[in-house]
Amino acid sequence: MRAKEYLEINKKKIYHYDLVKKAVYDLYPLRNNKRQTEAYFNRYLFADARYRSHAQYYADNAPSAIFNESENEIDKTIAHKVRMEILNVISGDDTFVFAYNIIALGANKYDDNHPIMTVNLKEENLNTVSYIEDVCKKYKEDYPKASLADYLLDDDNRAIFYNKRCDLLKDEEWWLCAFNKAYEIFDRLRVKISDPFKAQYIVKNIYFNDKVLESTIVGIIKSLIDNYTYDLTDAQKKKFAMLSDNINGYGNDRFKKIDETYLANIYDINLDETNWLKSTQMFNYDIIFMWATHEAFSLEQRLHIIELIENRYLIEREKHPDIFIYDLSQFFVSLREHVCTNCVGESGEGRYSQTRSERVEELKEQILQLNQIINEKSEEIEKLKAGHTLEMQALKDRITLLTTDAKTKGMTMPQQVLAFYYLFNEMGINFNNSDKTQWARFINTFTGKNFQNIRTELNIDFECKKTQKNLRVVSDLFAELFPRIQQKVINDSQI
């Protein structure tokens, strides 16, 4: 078993866990260099041997000097125990041959060796370095690389590259970055494989401020998970399968949305009491964007949502840096700028329905009050009727105007997107032979609607009640000029 996985699985059983973990992670880049490994042990892990050598020297040479541990050196009183814990951690990982033998032999430069008689040494010969590097390669720990060609020596990596390079049209440097990041994330991911349902969010919530790069990295990670079998127990293989299945949800609109339990009470939600870890699916930036741009909230509320989510994210990242591995600071900055820039422009389109609803209720309340006045003052009823008839009619006309305003102003943005969808399909353009981003740019230029909202609406869920309702509106548009398209729309609205 890899040392990193052993550390994670057994962290509650390991004495001085933080010190052991730091030492093991410090030794990782030194594994194929015996001299550097020895130097690390002498500097940080043999304070007990150094102390005995110091004490022996000053026993014969007065005056004695005070012994002090060096900076970051393990305290002499626990150094031996820490080495024993490190030995347990790395014993099943053959990339730590040099470190394992140093501990087993008690080898140090202070002439105070105390070998462990019950431990069998691992073989060292002229081929040990190449053997360590070969095991690192099998563990997929041979990263980062300086050349893309080195990644493409792997058949699975080469298949991904040649399958996508013509579509993506990215240069060698971009692909090298994608593979280096994918391997790094895969390395971190395996450490959490004991809980695949938590580990999935390391992949699903990937963030590098580049959708194409993120999607490509996820594809590489998915391939690594599906094809990795080296040094895995049966339980680990099953958990890898669970993780692979969970990651299939990446990019799925059913995953990237605000949960229905929140949407049902979105207008009455208490933002300060909301569990933002849960409501954003462990800080998925697409879902954060949906919360911060939802039509139910005012500009002040949107900015408050961003502040609440960012504060909770910073707390969780500090507590669990191995799960929340992405830096979202720039995302929050950009999101604030987006909200401030677009909130005013979208208020008529996005929050209008909320304002309209509130205004209708206010006007209805006024009508009710007027009716109560009429009923309570029966003796003046004729006078009141004459005085208030015009006012009541004006209020009713205002209600009618507000409730029908959306229709008179034309189609909503989701309805326009559906109309373009059917027109494009009629011309032979569909999601299989074109990119949704191109659609969004075209519709954005044509309608002036918000690009990101258009891009979101292009992920059409024909089973959604809102979509079904919009389809019935769109079908009327095509009735006169495009009856054949109208029939397609009607058929889709009856799914």
Protein backbone atom coordinates (compact mmCIF):
# COMPACT_ATOMS: atom_id res chain seq x y z
CA MET A 1 0.00 0.00 0.00
CA ARG A 2 1.19 3.52 -0.79
CA ALA A 3 2.52 5.41 2.20
CA LYS A 4 0.04 8.26 1.66
CA GLU A 5 -2.96 5.93 1.79
CA TYR A 6 -1.58 4.14 4.86
CA LEU A 7 -1.22 7.49 6.64
CA GLU A 8 -4.82 8.48 5.86
CA ILE A 9 -6.38 5.13 6.77
CA ASN A 10 -4.44 4.72 10.03
CA LYS A 11 -4.09 8.32 11.17
CA LYS A 12 -6.02 7.69 14.39
CA LYS A 13 -3.60 4.90 15.35
CA ILE A 14 -0.32 6.63 14.54
CA TYR A 15 1.53 8.30 17.41
CA HIS A 16 2.78 11.82 16.67
CA TYR A 17 0.76 11.73 13.45
CA ASP A 18 1.50 15.29 12.31
CA LEU A 19 5.26 14.83 12.71
CA VAL A 20 5.17 11.45 10.97
CA LYS A 21 3.10 12.80 8.09
CA LYS A 22 5.39 15.80 7.59
CA ALA A 23 8.47 13.59 7.52
CA VAL A 24 6.95 11.10 5.06
CA TYR A 25 5.78 13.89 2.71
CA ASP A 26 9.22 15.56 2.99
CA LEU A 27 10.85 12.26 1.99
CA TYR A 28 8.65 11.72 -1.07
CA PRO A 29 10.75 13.81 -3.50
CA LEU A 30 13.98 12.28 -2.10
CA ARG A 31 13.05 8.63 -2.58
CA ASN A 32 15.37 7.91 -5.53
CA ASN A 33 18.32 9.75 -3.97
CA LYS A 34 20.02 7.87 -1.13
CA ARG A 35 22.41 10.66 -0.23
CA GLN A 36 19.65 13.26 0.17
CA THR A 37 17.53 10.79 2.13
CA GLU A 38 20.41 10.15 4.53
CA ALA A 39 20.99 13.89 4.90
CA TYR A 40 17.33 14.44 5.79
CA PHE A 41 17.39 11.73 8.46
CA ASN A 42 20.63 13.07 9.99
CA ARG A 43 19.26 16.60 10.09
CA TYR A 44 15.74 15.99 11.40
CA LEU A 45 15.15 12.42 12.64
CA PHE A 46 18.20 11.37 14.69
CA ALA A 47 18.26 13.89 17.54
CA ASP A 48 18.48 10.98 20.01
CA ALA A 49 21.64 9.61 18.37
CA ARG A 50 23.11 13.10 18.16
CA TYR A 51 22.37 13.65 21.85
CA ARG A 52 24.08 10.40 22.91
CA SER A 53 27.12 11.30 20.81
CA HIS A 54 27.10 14.78 22.34
CA ALA A 55 26.83 13.44 25.89
CA GLN A 56 29.61 10.92 25.35
CA TYR A 57 31.93 13.54 23.92
CA TYR A 58 31.44 16.01 26.79
CA ALA A 59 31.72 13.25 29.38
CA ASP A 60 35.42 13.13 28.50
CA ASN A 61 35.86 16.76 27.49
CA ALA A 62 34.87 19.46 29.98
CA PRO A 63 33.23 21.89 30.10
CA SER A 64 30.01 20.42 28.72
CA ALA A 65 27.75 22.37 26.36
CA ILE A 66 23.96 22.50 26.50
CA PHE A 67 22.31 20.23 23.92
CA ASN A 68 19.56 21.82 21.82
CA GLU A 69 17.56 20.39 18.95
CA SER A 70 18.05 22.15 15.64
CA GLU A 71 15.19 23.97 13.90
CA ASN A 72 12.45 21.48 12.87
CA GLU A 73 14.44 18.57 14.31
CA ILE A 74 12.30 15.97 16.11
CA ASP A 75 12.74 16.12 19.87
CA LYS A 76 15.31 13.58 21.12
CA THR A 77 12.81 12.07 23.55
CA ILE A 78 10.42 10.98 20.78
CA ALA A 79 12.76 10.68 17.75
CA HIS A 80 12.99 6.88 18.01
CA LYS A 81 9.21 6.49 18.30
CA VAL A 82 8.66 8.75 15.29
CA ARG A 83 11.13 6.67 13.22
CA MET A 84 9.28 3.48 14.18
CA GLU A 85 5.97 5.00 13.07
CA ILE A 86 7.57 6.11 9.79
CA LEU A 87 8.87 2.56 9.32
CA ASN A 88 5.33 1.17 9.69
CA VAL A 89 3.97 3.72 7.22
CA ILE A 90 6.53 3.09 4.46
CA SER A 91 7.05 -0.64 4.93
CA GLY A 92 4.54 -1.57 2.22
CA ASP A 93 5.68 1.13 -0.22
CA ASP A 94 8.72 -0.03 -2.19
CA THR A 95 9.57 3.48 -3.32
CA PHE A 96 10.99 4.11 0.18
CA VAL A 97 13.77 1.48 0.03
CA PHE A 98 16.50 3.86 1.21
CA ALA A 99 14.45 5.39 4.05
CA TYR A 100 13.29 1.94 5.19
CA ASN A 101 16.82 0.57 5.42
CA ILE A 102 18.16 3.67 7.18
CA ILE A 103 15.60 3.20 9.97
CA ALA A 104 16.10 -0.57 10.10
CA LEU A 105 19.88 -0.16 10.45
CA GLY A 106 19.62 2.89 12.69
CA ALA A 107 22.18 4.36 10.29
CA ASN A 108 23.31 7.91 11.09
CA LYS A 109 26.43 10.04 10.96
CA TYR A 110 26.73 10.34 14.74
CA ASP A 111 28.42 6.91 15.21
CA ASP A 112 25.54 5.71 17.35
CA ASN A 113 23.82 3.07 15.23
CA HIS A 114 21.15 0.90 16.83
CA PRO A 115 19.81 -1.55 14.22
CA ILE A 116 16.40 -3.19 14.63
CA MET A 117 17.28 -6.87 14.76
CA THR A 118 13.76 -8.13 13.91
CA VAL A 119 13.43 -6.18 10.63
CA ASN A 120 14.58 -7.62 7.31
CA LEU A 121 16.35 -5.12 5.09
CA LYS A 122 15.15 -4.39 1.58
CA GLU A 123 17.58 -5.21 -1.19
CA GLU A 124 19.81 -2.42 -2.47
CA ASN A 125 21.92 -2.78 -5.61
CA LEU A 126 22.93 -0.90 -8.74
CA ASN A 127 19.37 -1.19 -10.05
CA THR A 128 17.63 0.16 -6.93
CA VAL A 129 17.16 3.70 -8.27
CA SER A 130 15.64 2.50 -11.55
CA TYR A 131 13.44 0.08 -9.56
CA ILE A 132 12.16 2.92 -7.35
CA GLU A 133 11.42 5.07 -10.41
CA ASP A 134 9.60 2.17 -12.08
CA VAL A 135 7.39 1.66 -9.00
CA CYS A 136 6.71 5.42 -8.90
CA LYS A 137 5.58 5.17 -12.51
CA LYS A 138 3.24 2.28 -11.68
CA TYR A 139 1.87 4.33 -8.79
CA LYS A 140 1.30 7.23 -11.27
CA GLU A 141 3.54 9.36 -9.06
CA ASP A 142 5.94 10.24 -11.89
CA TYR A 143 4.83 13.85 -12.17
CA PRO A 144 5.20 16.69 -12.91
CA LYS A 145 6.84 16.11 -16.28
CA ALA A 146 8.65 18.63 -18.46
CA SER A 147 7.63 17.01 -21.74
CA LEU A 148 4.19 16.09 -23.06
CA ALA A 149 5.73 13.19 -24.98
CA ASP A 150 6.59 11.47 -21.70
CA TYR A 151 2.89 11.38 -20.77
CA LEU A 152 1.92 10.11 -24.21
CA LEU A 153 4.10 7.02 -23.79
CA ASP A 154 1.14 5.73 -21.76
CA ASP A 155 -1.46 4.15 -24.07
CA ASP A 156 -4.46 5.54 -22.19
CA ASN A 157 -3.04 9.06 -22.10
CA ARG A 158 -2.20 8.89 -25.79
CA ALA A 159 -5.77 7.80 -26.61
CA ILE A 160 -7.22 10.81 -24.76
CA PHE A 161 -4.83 13.20 -26.47
CA TYR A 162 -5.45 12.02 -30.03
CA ASN A 163 -9.19 11.77 -29.43
CA LYS A 164 -9.54 15.38 -28.33
CA ARG A 165 -6.70 17.40 -29.82
CA CYS A 166 -8.47 18.14 -33.12
CA ASP A 167 -11.58 19.38 -31.29
CA LEU A 168 -9.74 21.46 -28.69
CA LEU A 169 -6.95 22.83 -30.91
CA LYS A 170 -4.67 23.46 -27.92
CA ASP A 171 -0.87 23.62 -28.00
CA GLU A 172 1.65 21.30 -26.36
CA GLU A 173 2.13 23.54 -23.32
CA TRP A 174 -1.62 23.54 -22.60
CA TRP A 175 -1.83 19.75 -22.80
CA LEU A 176 1.26 19.33 -20.60
CA CYS A 177 -0.39 21.56 -17.99
CA ALA A 178 -3.59 19.50 -18.20
CA PHE A 179 -1.77 16.19 -17.63
CA ASN A 180 0.41 17.57 -14.81
CA LYS A 181 -2.64 18.90 -12.97
CA ALA A 182 -4.65 15.72 -13.60
CA TYR A 183 -1.88 13.53 -12.15
CA GLU A 184 -1.53 15.81 -9.13
CA ILE A 185 -5.26 15.70 -8.43
CA PHE A 186 -5.33 11.92 -8.97
CA ASP A 187 -2.54 11.60 -6.40
CA ARG A 188 -4.50 13.65 -3.84
CA LEU A 189 -7.72 11.87 -4.73
CA ARG A 190 -6.37 8.43 -3.88
CA VAL A 191 -5.47 9.58 -0.39
CA LYS A 192 -9.21 10.04 0.27
CA ILE A 193 -10.32 6.86 -1.54
CA SER A 194 -11.49 5.34 1.75
CA ASP A 195 -14.52 7.64 1.41
CA PRO A 196 -15.32 7.85 -2.34
CA PHE A 197 -18.52 9.83 -1.72
CA LYS A 198 -16.48 12.63 -0.17
CA ALA A 199 -13.53 12.24 -2.53
CA GLN A 200 -15.79 12.78 -5.57
CA TYR A 201 -16.05 16.50 -4.79
CA ILE A 202 -12.30 16.94 -5.33
CA VAL A 203 -13.06 16.20 -9.00
CA LYS A 204 -16.60 17.53 -9.38
CA ASN A 205 -15.71 20.91 -7.89
CA ILE A 206 -12.55 21.41 -9.94
CA TYR A 207 -11.72 25.07 -10.57
CA PHE A 208 -9.02 26.61 -12.77
CA ASN A 209 -11.10 29.44 -14.27
CA ASP A 210 -11.11 27.61 -17.62
CA LYS A 211 -14.05 25.33 -18.43
CA VAL A 212 -12.27 23.56 -21.29
CA LEU A 213 -9.18 22.88 -19.19
CA GLU A 214 -11.30 21.69 -16.27
CA SER A 215 -13.33 19.32 -18.44
CA THR A 216 -10.15 17.91 -20.03
CA ILE A 217 -8.50 17.35 -16.65
CA VAL A 218 -11.59 15.54 -15.37
CA GLY A 219 -11.51 13.30 -18.46
CA ILE A 220 -7.86 12.41 -17.78
CA ILE A 221 -8.59 11.73 -14.09
CA LYS A 222 -11.57 9.54 -15.04
CA SER A 223 -9.28 7.50 -17.33
CA LEU A 224 -6.68 7.17 -14.57
CA ILE A 225 -9.31 5.94 -12.11
CA ASP A 226 -10.82 3.45 -14.55
CA ASN A 227 -7.46 1.97 -15.59
CA TYR A 228 -5.50 2.05 -12.31
CA THR A 229 -5.04 -1.35 -10.65
CA TYR A 230 -1.51 -1.41 -9.21
CA ASP A 231 -1.11 -2.46 -5.56
CA LEU A 232 -4.82 -2.19 -4.71
CA THR A 233 -6.74 -4.36 -2.28
CA ASP A 234 -10.14 -5.75 -3.32
CA ALA A 235 -11.82 -3.16 -1.11
CA GLN A 236 -9.87 -0.35 -2.77
CA LYS A 237 -10.80 -1.62 -6.24
CA LYS A 238 -14.49 -1.49 -5.31
CA LYS A 239 -14.13 2.00 -3.93
CA PHE A 240 -12.36 3.11 -7.11
CA ALA A 241 -15.39 1.83 -9.03
CA MET A 242 -17.72 3.80 -6.72
CA LEU A 243 -15.62 6.93 -7.23
CA SER A 244 -15.67 6.49 -11.01
CA ASP A 245 -19.44 6.16 -10.97
CA ASN A 246 -19.82 9.28 -8.80
CA ILE A 247 -17.57 11.33 -11.06
CA ASN A 248 -19.82 10.54 -14.01
CA GLY A 249 -22.07 13.25 -12.60
CA TYR A 250 -19.52 15.96 -13.51
CA GLY A 251 -21.10 18.49 -15.85
CA ASN A 252 -24.57 17.00 -15.41
CA ASP A 253 -27.21 19.70 -15.00
CA ARG A 254 -28.97 17.58 -12.40
CA PHE A 255 -25.90 17.95 -10.22
CA LYS A 256 -25.18 21.60 -11.03
CA LYS A 257 -28.32 23.20 -9.65
CA ILE A 258 -29.75 24.61 -6.46
CA ASP A 259 -31.54 21.82 -4.61
CA GLU A 260 -35.34 21.83 -4.78
CA THR A 261 -35.60 22.00 -0.99
CA TYR A 262 -34.07 25.50 -1.17
CA LEU A 263 -35.87 26.61 -4.32
CA ALA A 264 -39.27 25.81 -2.77
CA ASN A 265 -38.76 28.56 -0.16
CA ILE A 266 -36.24 30.74 -1.98
CA TYR A 267 -38.09 33.99 -1.33
CA ASP A 268 -38.36 33.36 2.41
CA ILE A 269 -34.97 31.76 3.02
CA ASN A 270 -32.85 32.95 5.95
CA LEU A 271 -29.47 33.50 4.33
CA ASP A 272 -27.56 33.72 7.62
CA GLU A 273 -28.84 30.32 8.78
CA THR A 274 -28.35 28.50 5.48
CA ASN A 275 -25.81 25.65 5.43
CA TRP A 276 -23.67 26.92 2.55
CA LEU A 277 -21.44 23.84 2.55
CA LYS A 278 -24.46 21.67 1.75
CA SER A 279 -26.42 24.15 -0.37
CA THR A 280 -23.47 24.63 -2.77
CA GLN A 281 -22.60 20.92 -3.00
CA MET A 282 -19.26 21.40 -1.22
CA PHE A 283 -18.60 24.79 -2.89
CA ASN A 284 -19.23 23.96 -6.54
CA TYR A 285 -18.59 27.28 -8.28
CA ASP A 286 -21.40 26.83 -10.81
CA ILE A 287 -23.90 26.41 -7.97
CA ILE A 288 -22.38 29.35 -6.10
CA PHE A 289 -22.91 31.42 -9.25
CA MET A 290 -26.56 30.34 -9.40
CA TRP A 291 -27.13 31.40 -5.80
CA ALA A 292 -25.42 34.76 -6.27
CA THR A 293 -27.36 35.58 -9.45
CA HIS A 294 -30.78 34.17 -8.57
CA GLU A 295 -33.66 36.49 -9.42
CA ALA A 296 -35.14 36.11 -5.93
CA PHE A 297 -32.41 38.26 -4.38
CA SER A 298 -31.63 41.96 -4.43
CA LEU A 299 -28.14 43.29 -5.09
CA GLU A 300 -27.51 43.64 -1.36
CA GLN A 301 -28.65 40.07 -0.74
CA ARG A 302 -26.51 38.71 -3.58
CA LEU A 303 -23.40 40.35 -2.22
CA HIS A 304 -24.26 39.05 1.25
CA ILE A 305 -24.60 35.52 -0.16
CA ILE A 306 -21.14 35.77 -1.71
CA GLU A 307 -19.69 36.97 1.59
CA LEU A 308 -21.35 34.16 3.56
CA ILE A 309 -20.22 31.46 1.13
CA GLU A 310 -16.66 32.81 0.93
CA ASN A 311 -16.32 32.99 4.72
CA ARG A 312 -17.60 29.43 5.14
CA TYR A 313 -15.31 28.25 2.34
CA LEU A 314 -12.23 29.75 4.01
CA ILE A 315 -13.14 28.07 7.30
CA GLU A 316 -13.67 24.66 5.68
CA ARG A 317 -10.52 24.97 3.57
CA GLU A 318 -8.43 25.63 6.63
CA LYS A 319 -9.97 22.61 8.40
CA HIS A 320 -9.84 20.28 5.37
CA PRO A 321 -7.12 21.44 2.94
CA ASP A 322 -6.94 17.93 1.48
CA ILE A 323 -10.58 18.16 0.29
CA PHE A 324 -10.89 21.84 -0.66
CA ILE A 325 -7.74 21.99 -2.76
CA TYR A 326 -8.75 24.79 -5.14
CA ASP A 327 -8.20 28.51 -4.58
CA LEU A 328 -11.54 30.26 -5.19
CA SER A 329 -10.37 33.73 -4.13
CA GLN A 330 -10.24 35.07 -7.71
CA PHE A 331 -13.60 33.48 -8.47
CA PHE A 332 -15.24 35.37 -5.59
CA VAL A 333 -13.66 38.63 -6.77
CA SER A 334 -14.93 38.08 -10.32
CA LEU A 335 -18.35 37.03 -9.05
CA ARG A 336 -18.74 40.25 -7.06
CA GLU A 337 -17.81 42.29 -10.13
CA HIS A 338 -20.28 40.32 -12.25
CA VAL A 339 -23.11 40.77 -9.76
CA CYS A 340 -22.50 44.50 -9.35
CA THR A 341 -22.25 45.01 -13.10
CA ASN A 342 -25.22 42.94 -14.14
CA CYS A 343 -27.67 43.21 -11.26
CA VAL A 344 -29.10 46.55 -12.38
CA GLY A 345 -29.38 45.39 -15.99
CA GLU A 346 -31.05 42.16 -15.01
CA SER A 347 -33.40 43.64 -12.42
CA GLY A 348 -36.08 44.26 -15.01
CA GLU A 349 -35.68 40.78 -16.39
CA GLY A 350 -34.80 38.68 -13.38
CA ARG A 351 -36.32 40.25 -10.29
CA TYR A 352 -39.28 41.80 -12.08
CA SER A 353 -41.52 38.84 -11.36
CA GLN A 354 -40.83 39.17 -7.64
CA THR A 355 -41.54 42.93 -7.65
CA ARG A 356 -44.64 42.43 -9.76
CA SER A 357 -45.99 39.79 -7.40
CA GLU A 358 -45.45 41.99 -4.36
CA ARG A 359 -47.09 44.96 -6.08
CA VAL A 360 -50.12 42.87 -7.12
CA GLU A 361 -50.59 41.79 -3.50
CA GLU A 362 -50.36 45.38 -2.34
CA LEU A 363 -53.00 46.48 -4.84
CA LYS A 364 -55.27 43.59 -3.94
CA GLU A 365 -54.99 44.59 -0.30
CA GLN A 366 -56.00 48.13 -1.19
CA ILE A 367 -59.07 46.85 -3.07
CA LEU A 368 -60.00 44.71 -0.07
CA GLN A 369 -59.72 47.71 2.24
CA LEU A 370 -61.88 49.78 -0.09
CA ASN A 371 -64.55 47.07 -0.16
CA GLN A 372 -64.51 46.92 3.63
CA ILE A 373 -65.06 50.66 3.80
CA ILE A 374 -68.05 50.33 1.48
CA ASN A 375 -69.59 47.51 3.53
CA GLU A 376 -69.03 49.21 6.91
CA LYS A 377 -70.55 52.52 5.83
CA SER A 378 -73.72 51.28 4.20
CA GLU A 379 -75.50 54.60 4.67
CA GLU A 380 -72.91 56.28 2.48
CA ILE A 381 -72.66 53.42 0.01
CA GLU A 382 -73.93 55.32 -2.97
CA LYS A 383 -71.60 58.19 -2.28
CA LEU A 384 -68.65 55.88 -1.74
CA LYS A 385 -69.41 53.93 -4.92
CA ALA A 386 -69.44 57.12 -6.94
CA GLY A 387 -66.25 58.36 -5.34
CA HIS A 388 -64.24 55.15 -5.56
CA THR A 389 -65.44 53.50 -8.78
CA LEU A 390 -62.76 55.15 -10.90
CA GLU A 391 -60.05 54.44 -8.33
CA MET A 392 -61.03 50.78 -8.10
CA GLN A 393 -61.05 50.40 -11.86
CA ALA A 394 -57.61 52.00 -12.10
CA LEU A 395 -56.26 49.56 -9.53
CA LYS A 396 -57.78 46.62 -11.38
CA ASP A 397 -56.31 47.86 -14.64
CA ARG A 398 -52.92 48.12 -12.95
CA ILE A 399 -53.20 44.52 -11.71
CA THR A 400 -54.11 43.37 -15.20
CA LEU A 401 -51.19 45.32 -16.64
CA LEU A 402 -48.74 43.83 -14.15
CA THR A 403 -49.95 40.25 -14.55
CA THR A 404 -49.90 40.39 -18.35
CA ASP A 405 -46.78 42.55 -18.69
CA ALA A 406 -44.51 39.61 -19.48
CA LYS A 407 -46.61 38.63 -22.49
CA THR A 408 -46.85 42.15 -23.93
CA LYS A 409 -43.10 42.60 -23.63
CA GLY A 410 -42.44 39.48 -25.67
CA MET A 411 -40.83 36.20 -24.77
CA THR A 412 -38.66 35.64 -21.74
CA MET A 413 -35.03 34.71 -22.24
CA PRO A 414 -35.62 30.94 -21.61
CA GLN A 415 -38.43 31.01 -24.18
CA GLN A 416 -36.21 32.79 -26.69
CA VAL A 417 -33.49 30.16 -26.17
CA LEU A 418 -36.05 27.41 -26.91
CA ALA A 419 -37.16 29.23 -30.07
CA PHE A 420 -33.56 29.44 -31.30
CA TYR A 421 -33.09 25.77 -30.41
CA TYR A 422 -35.88 24.66 -32.76
CA LEU A 423 -34.92 27.11 -35.52
CA PHE A 424 -31.29 25.94 -35.43
CA ASN A 425 -32.36 22.29 -35.46
CA GLU A 426 -34.57 22.97 -38.47
CA MET A 427 -31.48 24.33 -40.26
CA GLY A 428 -29.49 21.22 -39.33
CA ILE A 429 -27.51 22.81 -36.48
CA ASN A 430 -27.64 20.90 -33.21
CA PHE A 431 -25.64 20.20 -30.05
CA ASN A 432 -23.89 17.25 -31.73
CA ASN A 433 -22.31 19.26 -34.55
CA SER A 434 -21.79 22.60 -32.77
CA ASP A 435 -20.76 23.96 -29.38
CA LYS A 436 -23.23 25.44 -26.91
CA THR A 437 -20.82 28.30 -26.28
CA GLN A 438 -21.16 29.30 -29.95
CA TRP A 439 -24.94 29.21 -29.59
CA ALA A 440 -24.74 31.39 -26.49
CA ARG A 441 -22.58 33.99 -28.24
CA PHE A 442 -24.99 34.13 -31.21
CA ILE A 443 -28.09 34.49 -29.03
CA ASN A 444 -26.33 37.00 -26.76
CA THR A 445 -25.42 39.18 -29.76
CA PHE A 446 -28.91 38.83 -31.24
CA THR A 447 -30.99 39.44 -28.09
CA GLY A 448 -28.65 41.34 -25.76
CA LYS A 449 -29.50 38.91 -22.95
CA ASN A 450 -26.89 37.89 -20.34
CA PHE A 451 -24.37 35.46 -21.87
CA GLN A 452 -23.96 33.27 -18.77
CA ASN A 453 -27.75 32.97 -18.30
CA ILE A 454 -28.14 31.99 -21.96
CA ARG A 455 -25.38 29.38 -21.58
CA THR A 456 -27.14 27.94 -18.53
CA GLU A 457 -30.54 27.81 -20.26
CA LEU A 458 -29.01 25.87 -23.20
CA ASN A 459 -28.82 22.89 -20.83
CA ILE A 460 -32.47 22.12 -21.61
CA ASP A 461 -34.38 19.73 -19.36
CA PHE A 462 -37.48 18.80 -21.36
CA GLU A 463 -38.99 17.04 -18.34
CA CYS A 464 -38.92 20.20 -16.22
CA LYS A 465 -42.36 21.75 -15.59
CA LYS A 466 -41.01 25.21 -16.36
CA THR A 467 -39.67 24.01 -19.72
CA GLN A 468 -43.00 22.33 -20.53
CA LYS A 469 -44.80 25.61 -19.84
CA ASN A 470 -42.35 27.57 -22.00
CA LEU A 471 -42.72 25.06 -24.84
CA ARG A 472 -46.46 25.75 -25.00
CA VAL A 473 -45.71 29.47 -25.41
CA VAL A 474 -43.05 28.81 -28.06
CA SER A 475 -45.39 26.52 -30.03
CA ASP A 476 -47.76 29.45 -30.62
CA LEU A 477 -44.88 31.44 -32.16
CA PHE A 478 -44.42 28.88 -34.94
CA ALA A 479 -48.14 28.35 -35.65
CA GLU A 480 -48.46 30.51 -38.76
CA LEU A 481 -45.08 30.39 -40.52
CA PHE A 482 -43.62 27.10 -39.29
CA PRO A 483 -46.41 24.61 -38.58
CA ARG A 484 -44.00 21.67 -38.87
CA ILE A 485 -41.75 23.14 -36.16
CA GLN A 486 -44.86 23.83 -34.07
CA GLN A 487 -45.75 20.15 -34.17
CA LYS A 488 -42.24 19.19 -32.97
CA VAL A 489 -42.56 21.66 -30.09
CA ILE A 490 -45.99 20.29 -29.16
CA ASN A 491 -44.62 16.72 -29.21
CA ASP A 492 -41.73 17.72 -26.92
CA SER A 493 -44.10 19.51 -24.56
CA GLN A 494 -46.03 16.27 -24.03
CA ILE A 495 -43.05 14.21 -22.83
